[in-house]
């Protein structure tokens, strides 16, 4: 779905030919047209300029909304096969529509369920438990899962900042710029807004001259742009 995901896929499968893995946004060829409404993107690919391919696989289509799916389908040439993958229980797309669920419920397309390859790791074990309403201690010798307790919202924010700026870079050798913090809500004492404010104060302090942002701030694309897809950083 994103350029970074495509790059990771290509790196994990060097047998793929050059250019076989590409982000969906880039594949649809966005046009930077003046006068386009904010949050909307016009794509050059479509029914009048379809892809030149026989098979298109989107491994993670859980974030595919109705509008983007319509553009994608129109860009597929006659006779092409479109394979949409997704993990059960994944978060829905930010924009309207639940394409995968609707397609499965329609009983108009083949649906195949794959068993996970090999034993599940700590992340899979924790995800399954959380879906069932539990938060167990998970054995993770390589620190794939670390549960950090906090006594309240303020301490949770403090711990998150500490993890991003010190613990993770020092223990796991992962730069702070490559760490993504995810919150359950946009507003609240320990939600995305509070976390972003606290992280900015440590990572890139400044007056916020540009709509609350400064040069060097890391941002996540929340609405489609010609230059970047939703979810790109």
C-alpha atoms as a PDB file:
ATOM      1  CA  UNK A   1       0.000   0.000   0.000  1.00  0.00           C
ATOM      2  CA  UNK A   2       2.921   2.407   0.571  1.00  0.00           C
ATOM      3  CA  UNK A   3       6.314   2.939  -1.037  1.00  0.00           C
ATOM      4  CA  UNK A   4       8.033   1.848   2.167  1.00  0.00           C
ATOM      5  CA  UNK A   5       6.018  -1.371   2.317  1.00  0.00           C
ATOM      6  CA  UNK A   6       6.862  -2.021  -1.329  1.00  0.00           C
ATOM      7  CA  UNK A   7      10.557  -1.476  -0.635  1.00  0.00           C
ATOM      8  CA  UNK A   8      10.423  -3.871   2.332  1.00  0.00           C
ATOM      9  CA  UNK A   9       8.667  -6.483   0.179  1.00  0.00           C
ATOM     10  CA  UNK A  10      11.256  -6.146  -2.580  1.00  0.00           C
ATOM     11  CA  UNK A  11      14.094  -6.448  -0.055  1.00  0.00           C
ATOM     12  CA  UNK A  12      12.542  -9.575   1.469  1.00  0.00           C
ATOM     13  CA  UNK A  13      12.131 -11.188  -1.950  1.00  0.00           C
ATOM     14  CA  UNK A  14      15.219 -10.419  -4.069  1.00  0.00           C
ATOM     15  CA  UNK A  15      13.978 -12.871  -6.697  1.00  0.00           C
ATOM     16  CA  UNK A  16      11.365 -10.312  -7.776  1.00  0.00           C
ATOM     17  CA  UNK A  17      12.299  -8.385 -10.934  1.00  0.00           C
ATOM     18  CA  UNK A  18      13.064  -4.690 -10.640  1.00  0.00           C
ATOM     19  CA  UNK A  19       9.915  -2.621 -10.389  1.00  0.00           C
ATOM     20  CA  UNK A  20       7.656  -5.575  -9.561  1.00  0.00           C
ATOM     21  CA  UNK A  21       6.858  -4.160  -6.109  1.00  0.00           C
ATOM     22  CA  UNK A  22       5.584  -0.589  -6.034  1.00  0.00           C
ATOM     23  CA  UNK A  23       3.334   1.432  -3.755  1.00  0.00           C
ATOM     24  CA  UNK A  24      -0.307   1.611  -4.828  1.00  0.00           C
ATOM     25  CA  UNK A  25      -0.329   5.406  -4.809  1.00  0.00           C
ATOM     26  CA  UNK A  26       2.647   5.559  -7.167  1.00  0.00           C
ATOM     27  CA  UNK A  27       1.250   2.770  -9.347  1.00  0.00           C
ATOM     28  CA  UNK A  28      -1.952   4.752  -9.947  1.00  0.00           C
ATOM     29  CA  UNK A  29       0.196   7.721 -11.084  1.00  0.00           C
ATOM     30  CA  UNK A  30      -1.239  10.697  -9.153  1.00  0.00           C
ATOM     31  CA  UNK A  31      -1.576  13.998 -11.004  1.00  0.00           C
ATOM     32  CA  UNK A  32      -0.727  17.253  -9.255  1.00  0.00           C
ATOM     33  CA  UNK A  33      -3.606  19.198 -10.799  1.00  0.00           C
ATOM     34  CA  UNK A  34      -4.286  22.779  -9.643  1.00  0.00           C
ATOM     35  CA  UNK A  35      -7.724  23.336  -8.207  1.00  0.00           C
ATOM     36  CA  UNK A  36      -8.097  19.816  -6.834  1.00  0.00           C
ATOM     37  CA  UNK A  37     -10.058  19.805  -3.586  1.00  0.00           C
ATOM     38  CA  UNK A  38      -7.952  19.323  -0.427  1.00  0.00           C
ATOM     39  CA  UNK A  39      -7.734  15.654   0.490  1.00  0.00           C
ATOM     40  CA  UNK A  40      -8.580  14.558  -3.051  1.00  0.00           C
ATOM     41  CA  UNK A  41      -6.204  13.185  -5.651  1.00  0.00           C
ATOM     42  CA  UNK A  42      -6.713  12.705  -9.375  1.00  0.00           C
ATOM     43  CA  UNK A  43      -4.998   9.642 -10.835  1.00  0.00           C
ATOM     44  CA  UNK A  44      -3.773   9.303 -14.398  1.00  0.00           C
ATOM     45  CA  UNK A  45      -4.403   5.567 -14.380  1.00  0.00           C
ATOM     46  CA  UNK A  46      -7.970   4.442 -14.984  1.00  0.00           C
ATOM     47  CA  UNK A  47     -10.323   3.051 -17.577  1.00  0.00           C
ATOM     48  CA  UNK A  48      -8.829   5.252 -20.306  1.00  0.00           C
ATOM     49  CA  UNK A  49      -5.235   4.394 -19.326  1.00  0.00           C
ATOM     50  CA  UNK A  50      -5.213   0.947 -17.716  1.00  0.00           C
ATOM     51  CA  UNK A  51      -2.232  -0.941 -16.350  1.00  0.00           C
ATOM     52  CA  UNK A  52      -0.172  -3.157 -18.651  1.00  0.00           C
ATOM     53  CA  UNK A  53      -0.341  -6.339 -16.573  1.00  0.00           C
ATOM     54  CA  UNK A  54      -2.088  -9.684 -16.175  1.00  0.00           C
ATOM     55  CA  UNK A  55      -1.945 -10.038 -12.383  1.00  0.00           C
ATOM     56  CA  UNK A  56      -1.975  -7.421  -9.622  1.00  0.00           C
ATOM     57  CA  UNK A  57      -1.483  -8.435  -5.977  1.00  0.00           C
ATOM     58  CA  UNK A  58      -2.141  -6.036  -3.095  1.00  0.00           C
ATOM     59  CA  UNK A  59      -0.864  -7.985  -0.049  1.00  0.00           C
ATOM     60  CA  UNK A  60      -2.370  -5.600   2.521  1.00  0.00           C
ATOM     61  CA  UNK A  61      -5.652  -4.196   1.263  1.00  0.00           C
ATOM     62  CA  UNK A  62      -7.183  -3.585   4.694  1.00  0.00           C
ATOM     63  CA  UNK A  63      -6.721   0.172   4.254  1.00  0.00           C
ATOM     64  CA  UNK A  64      -8.414   0.230   0.847  1.00  0.00           C
ATOM     65  CA  UNK A  65     -11.441   2.533   0.905  1.00  0.00           C
ATOM     66  CA  UNK A  66     -14.308   2.519  -1.588  1.00  0.00           C
ATOM     67  CA  UNK A  67     -13.107   5.453  -3.681  1.00  0.00           C
ATOM     68  CA  UNK A  68      -9.542   4.211  -4.036  1.00  0.00           C
ATOM     69  CA  UNK A  69     -10.749   0.691  -4.776  1.00  0.00           C
ATOM     70  CA  UNK A  70     -12.951   2.019  -7.574  1.00  0.00           C
ATOM     71  CA  UNK A  71      -9.948   3.756  -9.143  1.00  0.00           C
ATOM     72  CA  UNK A  72      -7.879   0.581  -8.796  1.00  0.00           C
ATOM     73  CA  UNK A  73     -10.501  -1.661 -10.401  1.00  0.00           C
ATOM     74  CA  UNK A  74     -11.070   0.755 -13.284  1.00  0.00           C
ATOM     75  CA  UNK A  75      -7.322   0.757 -13.969  1.00  0.00           C
ATOM     76  CA  UNK A  76      -7.167  -3.042 -14.272  1.00  0.00           C
ATOM     77  CA  UNK A  77      -7.367  -4.112 -17.932  1.00  0.00           C
ATOM     78  CA  UNK A  78      -9.873  -6.646 -19.209  1.00  0.00           C
ATOM     79  CA  UNK A  79      -8.796 -10.168 -18.343  1.00  0.00           C
ATOM     80  CA  UNK A  80      -6.461  -9.125 -15.525  1.00  0.00           C
ATOM     81  CA  UNK A  81      -6.624 -10.821 -12.126  1.00  0.00           C
ATOM     82  CA  UNK A  82      -6.755  -8.712  -8.944  1.00  0.00           C
ATOM     83  CA  UNK A  83      -5.769 -10.350  -5.642  1.00  0.00           C
ATOM     84  CA  UNK A  84      -6.548  -8.463  -2.426  1.00  0.00           C
ATOM     85  CA  UNK A  85      -4.998  -9.678   0.830  1.00  0.00           C
ATOM     86  CA  UNK A  86      -5.785  -8.721   4.386  1.00  0.00           C
ATOM     87  CA  UNK A  87      -5.444  -9.877   7.966  1.00  0.00           C
ATOM     88  CA  UNK A  88      -8.640 -10.682   9.894  1.00  0.00           C
ATOM     89  CA  UNK A  89      -9.312  -8.067  12.534  1.00  0.00           C
ATOM     90  CA  UNK A  90      -7.142  -5.408  10.887  1.00  0.00           C
ATOM     91  CA  UNK A  91      -8.017  -1.752  11.396  1.00  0.00           C
ATOM     92  CA  UNK A  92     -10.501  -0.377   8.838  1.00  0.00           C
ATOM     93  CA  UNK A  93      -9.494   2.281   6.283  1.00  0.00           C
ATOM     94  CA  UNK A  94      -9.465   5.921   7.312  1.00  0.00           C
ATOM     95  CA  UNK A  95     -11.850   6.865   4.495  1.00  0.00           C
ATOM     96  CA  UNK A  96     -15.387   5.448   4.044  1.00  0.00           C
ATOM     97  CA  UNK A  97     -15.903   1.821   3.142  1.00  0.00           C
ATOM     98  CA  UNK A  98     -14.787  -1.641   4.193  1.00  0.00           C
ATOM     99  CA  UNK A  99     -13.953  -3.136   0.843  1.00  0.00           C
ATOM    100  CA  UNK A 100     -12.619  -6.516   1.961  1.00  0.00           C
ATOM    101  CA  UNK A 101     -15.525  -7.200   4.313  1.00  0.00           C
ATOM    102  CA  UNK A 102     -18.084  -6.138   1.718  1.00  0.00           C
ATOM    103  CA  UNK A 103     -16.509  -8.274  -1.010  1.00  0.00           C
ATOM    104  CA  UNK A 104     -16.435 -11.313   1.249  1.00  0.00           C
ATOM    105  CA  UNK A 105     -20.046 -10.786   2.325  1.00  0.00           C
ATOM    106  CA  UNK A 106     -21.187 -10.363  -1.284  1.00  0.00           C
ATOM    107  CA  UNK A 107     -20.217 -13.964  -2.140  1.00  0.00           C
ATOM    108  CA  UNK A 108     -19.402 -12.791  -5.673  1.00  0.00           C
ATOM    109  CA  UNK A 109     -15.632 -13.331  -5.557  1.00  0.00           C
ATOM    110  CA  UNK A 110     -13.479 -16.296  -4.495  1.00  0.00           C
ATOM    111  CA  UNK A 111     -12.277 -16.018  -0.884  1.00  0.00           C
ATOM    112  CA  UNK A 112      -9.326 -18.085   0.342  1.00  0.00           C
ATOM    113  CA  UNK A 113      -8.176 -18.254   3.956  1.00  0.00           C
ATOM    114  CA  UNK A 114      -4.539 -19.149   4.550  1.00  0.00           C
ATOM    115  CA  UNK A 115      -3.127 -20.655   7.707  1.00  0.00           C
ATOM    116  CA  UNK A 116      -0.117 -18.783   9.110  1.00  0.00           C
ATOM    117  CA  UNK A 117       3.149 -20.285   7.968  1.00  0.00           C
ATOM    118  CA  UNK A 118       4.957 -21.864  10.891  1.00  0.00           C
ATOM    119  CA  UNK A 119       4.344 -21.188  14.595  1.00  0.00           C
ATOM    120  CA  UNK A 120       3.113 -17.741  15.540  1.00  0.00           C
ATOM    121  CA  UNK A 121       5.597 -15.387  17.155  1.00  0.00           C
ATOM    122  CA  UNK A 122       5.150 -13.152  20.199  1.00  0.00           C
ATOM    123  CA  UNK A 123       3.388 -10.423  18.213  1.00  0.00           C
ATOM    124  CA  UNK A 124       0.862 -12.872  16.765  1.00  0.00           C
ATOM    125  CA  UNK A 125       0.273 -14.361  20.219  1.00  0.00           C
ATOM    126  CA  UNK A 126      -0.299 -10.953  21.792  1.00  0.00           C
ATOM    127  CA  UNK A 127      -2.552  -9.794  18.941  1.00  0.00           C
ATOM    128  CA  UNK A 128      -4.736 -12.883  19.296  1.00  0.00           C
ATOM    129  CA  UNK A 129      -4.995 -12.372  23.052  1.00  0.00           C
ATOM    130  CA  UNK A 130      -5.861  -8.684  22.743  1.00  0.00           C
ATOM    131  CA  UNK A 131      -8.585  -9.491  20.216  1.00  0.00           C
ATOM    132  CA  UNK A 132     -10.034 -11.769  22.882  1.00  0.00           C
ATOM    133  CA  UNK A 133      -9.908  -9.039  25.527  1.00  0.00           C
ATOM    134  CA  UNK A 134      -6.780 -10.193  27.403  1.00  0.00           C
ATOM    135  CA  UNK A 135      -3.328  -8.678  27.938  1.00  0.00           C
ATOM    136  CA  UNK A 136      -1.087 -11.582  28.981  1.00  0.00           C
ATOM    137  CA  UNK A 137       2.632 -11.687  29.581  1.00  0.00           C
ATOM    138  CA  UNK A 138       4.190 -12.930  26.343  1.00  0.00           C
ATOM    139  CA  UNK A 139       7.528 -14.709  26.112  1.00  0.00           C
ATOM    140  CA  UNK A 140       9.644 -12.603  23.759  1.00  0.00           C
ATOM    141  CA  UNK A 141      13.371 -13.357  24.123  1.00  0.00           C
ATOM    142  CA  UNK A 142      14.265 -10.970  21.311  1.00  0.00           C
ATOM    143  CA  UNK A 143      12.120  -8.153  22.763  1.00  0.00           C
ATOM    144  CA  UNK A 144       9.525  -8.336  19.985  1.00  0.00           C
ATOM    145  CA  UNK A 145       6.964  -7.484  22.691  1.00  0.00           C
ATOM    146  CA  UNK A 146       7.685  -5.378  25.766  1.00  0.00           C
ATOM    147  CA  UNK A 147       4.856  -4.253  28.051  1.00  0.00           C
ATOM    148  CA  UNK A 148       5.743  -1.091  29.980  1.00  0.00           C
ATOM    149  CA  UNK A 149       3.396  -0.346  32.902  1.00  0.00           C
ATOM    150  CA  UNK A 150       2.340   3.214  33.748  1.00  0.00           C
ATOM    151  CA  UNK A 151       0.356   4.509  36.721  1.00  0.00           C
ATOM    152  CA  UNK A 152      -1.572   7.111  34.734  1.00  0.00           C
ATOM    153  CA  UNK A 153      -1.864   9.146  31.527  1.00  0.00           C
ATOM    154  CA  UNK A 154       0.982  11.572  32.275  1.00  0.00           C
ATOM    155  CA  UNK A 155       3.347   8.752  33.149  1.00  0.00           C
ATOM    156  CA  UNK A 156       2.310   6.905  29.983  1.00  0.00           C
ATOM    157  CA  UNK A 157       3.310   9.910  27.868  1.00  0.00           C
ATOM    158  CA  UNK A 158       6.588  10.244  29.778  1.00  0.00           C
ATOM    159  CA  UNK A 159       7.357   6.549  29.274  1.00  0.00           C
ATOM    160  CA  UNK A 160       6.552   6.742  25.562  1.00  0.00           C
ATOM    161  CA  UNK A 161       8.921   9.678  25.068  1.00  0.00           C
ATOM    162  CA  UNK A 162      11.596   7.861  27.052  1.00  0.00           C
ATOM    163  CA  UNK A 163      11.207   4.756  24.897  1.00  0.00           C
ATOM    164  CA  UNK A 164      11.412   6.662  21.608  1.00  0.00           C
ATOM    165  CA  UNK A 165      14.290   8.965  22.494  1.00  0.00           C
ATOM    166  CA  UNK A 166      16.432   6.703  24.674  1.00  0.00           C
ATOM    167  CA  UNK A 167      15.498   3.085  25.388  1.00  0.00           C
ATOM    168  CA  UNK A 168      14.707   1.846  21.874  1.00  0.00           C
ATOM    169  CA  UNK A 169      17.706   3.516  20.153  1.00  0.00           C
ATOM    170  CA  UNK A 170      20.044   2.362  22.926  1.00  0.00           C
ATOM    171  CA  UNK A 171      18.812  -1.205  23.447  1.00  0.00           C
ATOM    172  CA  UNK A 172      17.548  -2.143  19.977  1.00  0.00           C
ATOM    173  CA  UNK A 173      19.766   0.143  17.883  1.00  0.00           C
ATOM    174  CA  UNK A 174      16.710   1.566  16.092  1.00  0.00           C
ATOM    175  CA  UNK A 175      16.950   5.336  15.460  1.00  0.00           C
ATOM    176  CA  UNK A 176      14.186   7.480  16.926  1.00  0.00           C
ATOM    177  CA  UNK A 177      13.305   8.632  13.396  1.00  0.00           C
ATOM    178  CA  UNK A 178      12.301   5.053  12.522  1.00  0.00           C
ATOM    179  CA  UNK A 179      10.043   4.518  15.541  1.00  0.00           C
ATOM    180  CA  UNK A 180       6.279   4.906  15.026  1.00  0.00           C
ATOM    181  CA  UNK A 181       4.080   5.678  18.030  1.00  0.00           C
ATOM    182  CA  UNK A 182       0.432   4.623  17.705  1.00  0.00           C
ATOM    183  CA  UNK A 183      -2.374   5.911  19.931  1.00  0.00           C
ATOM    184  CA  UNK A 184      -5.960   4.723  20.241  1.00  0.00           C
ATOM    185  CA  UNK A 185      -7.504   8.199  20.101  1.00  0.00           C
ATOM    186  CA  UNK A 186      -6.590  11.641  18.705  1.00  0.00           C
ATOM    187  CA  UNK A 187      -7.470  13.645  21.825  1.00  0.00           C
ATOM    188  CA  UNK A 188      -6.939  12.991  25.505  1.00  0.00           C
ATOM    189  CA  UNK A 189      -4.218  13.131  28.183  1.00  0.00           C
ATOM    190  CA  UNK A 190      -2.322  10.195  26.637  1.00  0.00           C
ATOM    191  CA  UNK A 191      -3.679  10.317  23.081  1.00  0.00           C
ATOM    192  CA  UNK A 192      -2.024  11.219  19.780  1.00  0.00           C
ATOM    193  CA  UNK A 193      -2.081  14.987  20.329  1.00  0.00           C
ATOM    194  CA  UNK A 194      -0.415  14.817  23.737  1.00  0.00           C
ATOM    195  CA  UNK A 195       2.148  12.284  22.533  1.00  0.00           C
ATOM    196  CA  UNK A 196       3.033  14.356  19.466  1.00  0.00           C
ATOM    197  CA  UNK A 197       3.461  17.492  21.583  1.00  0.00           C
ATOM    198  CA  UNK A 198       5.735  15.729  24.054  1.00  0.00           C
ATOM    199  CA  UNK A 199       7.769  13.997  21.343  1.00  0.00           C
ATOM    200  CA  UNK A 200       8.207  17.210  19.367  1.00  0.00           C
ATOM    201  CA  UNK A 201       9.498  18.983  22.471  1.00  0.00           C
ATOM    202  CA  UNK A 202      12.278  16.398  22.742  1.00  0.00           C
ATOM    203  CA  UNK A 203      13.014  15.563  19.106  1.00  0.00           C
ATOM    204  CA  UNK A 204      12.511  18.857  17.268  1.00  0.00           C
ATOM    205  CA  UNK A 205      11.606  21.740  19.600  1.00  0.00           C
ATOM    206  CA  UNK A 206      10.431  24.932  17.958  1.00  0.00           C
ATOM    207  CA  UNK A 207       7.742  27.622  17.907  1.00  0.00           C
ATOM    208  CA  UNK A 208       5.542  25.819  15.375  1.00  0.00           C
ATOM    209  CA  UNK A 209       5.645  28.621  12.835  1.00  0.00           C
ATOM    210  CA  UNK A 210       3.964  26.651  10.053  1.00  0.00           C
ATOM    211  CA  UNK A 211       0.541  25.699  11.347  1.00  0.00           C
ATOM    212  CA  UNK A 212       2.040  24.244  14.500  1.00  0.00           C
ATOM    213  CA  UNK A 213       4.893  22.551  12.651  1.00  0.00           C
ATOM    214  CA  UNK A 214       8.553  23.397  12.151  1.00  0.00           C
ATOM    215  CA  UNK A 215      11.069  22.379   9.506  1.00  0.00           C
ATOM    216  CA  UNK A 216      12.257  18.889  10.364  1.00  0.00           C
ATOM    217  CA  UNK A 217       9.059  17.701  12.039  1.00  0.00           C
ATOM    218  CA  UNK A 218       8.070  14.172  11.125  1.00  0.00           C
ATOM    219  CA  UNK A 219       4.494  13.938   9.889  1.00  0.00           C
ATOM    220  CA  UNK A 220       2.144  11.163   8.786  1.00  0.00           C
ATOM    221  CA  UNK A 221      -0.020  11.752   5.725  1.00  0.00           C
ATOM    222  CA  UNK A 222      -3.635  11.585   6.961  1.00  0.00           C
ATOM    223  CA  UNK A 223      -5.352  12.546   3.686  1.00  0.00           C
ATOM    224  CA  UNK A 224      -4.253  11.667   0.144  1.00  0.00           C
ATOM    225  CA  UNK A 225      -1.738  13.996  -1.487  1.00  0.00           C
ATOM    226  CA  UNK A 226      -0.361  13.901  -5.028  1.00  0.00           C
ATOM    227  CA  UNK A 227       3.116  13.457  -3.571  1.00  0.00           C
ATOM    228  CA  UNK A 228       2.322  10.833  -0.939  1.00  0.00           C
ATOM    229  CA  UNK A 229      -0.210   8.214   0.059  1.00  0.00           C
ATOM    230  CA  UNK A 230      -2.064   7.985   3.352  1.00  0.00           C
ATOM    231  CA  UNK A 231       0.252   6.479   5.943  1.00  0.00           C
ATOM    232  CA  UNK A 232       3.513   7.685   4.404  1.00  0.00           C
ATOM    233  CA  UNK A 233       5.859   9.576   6.716  1.00  0.00           C
END
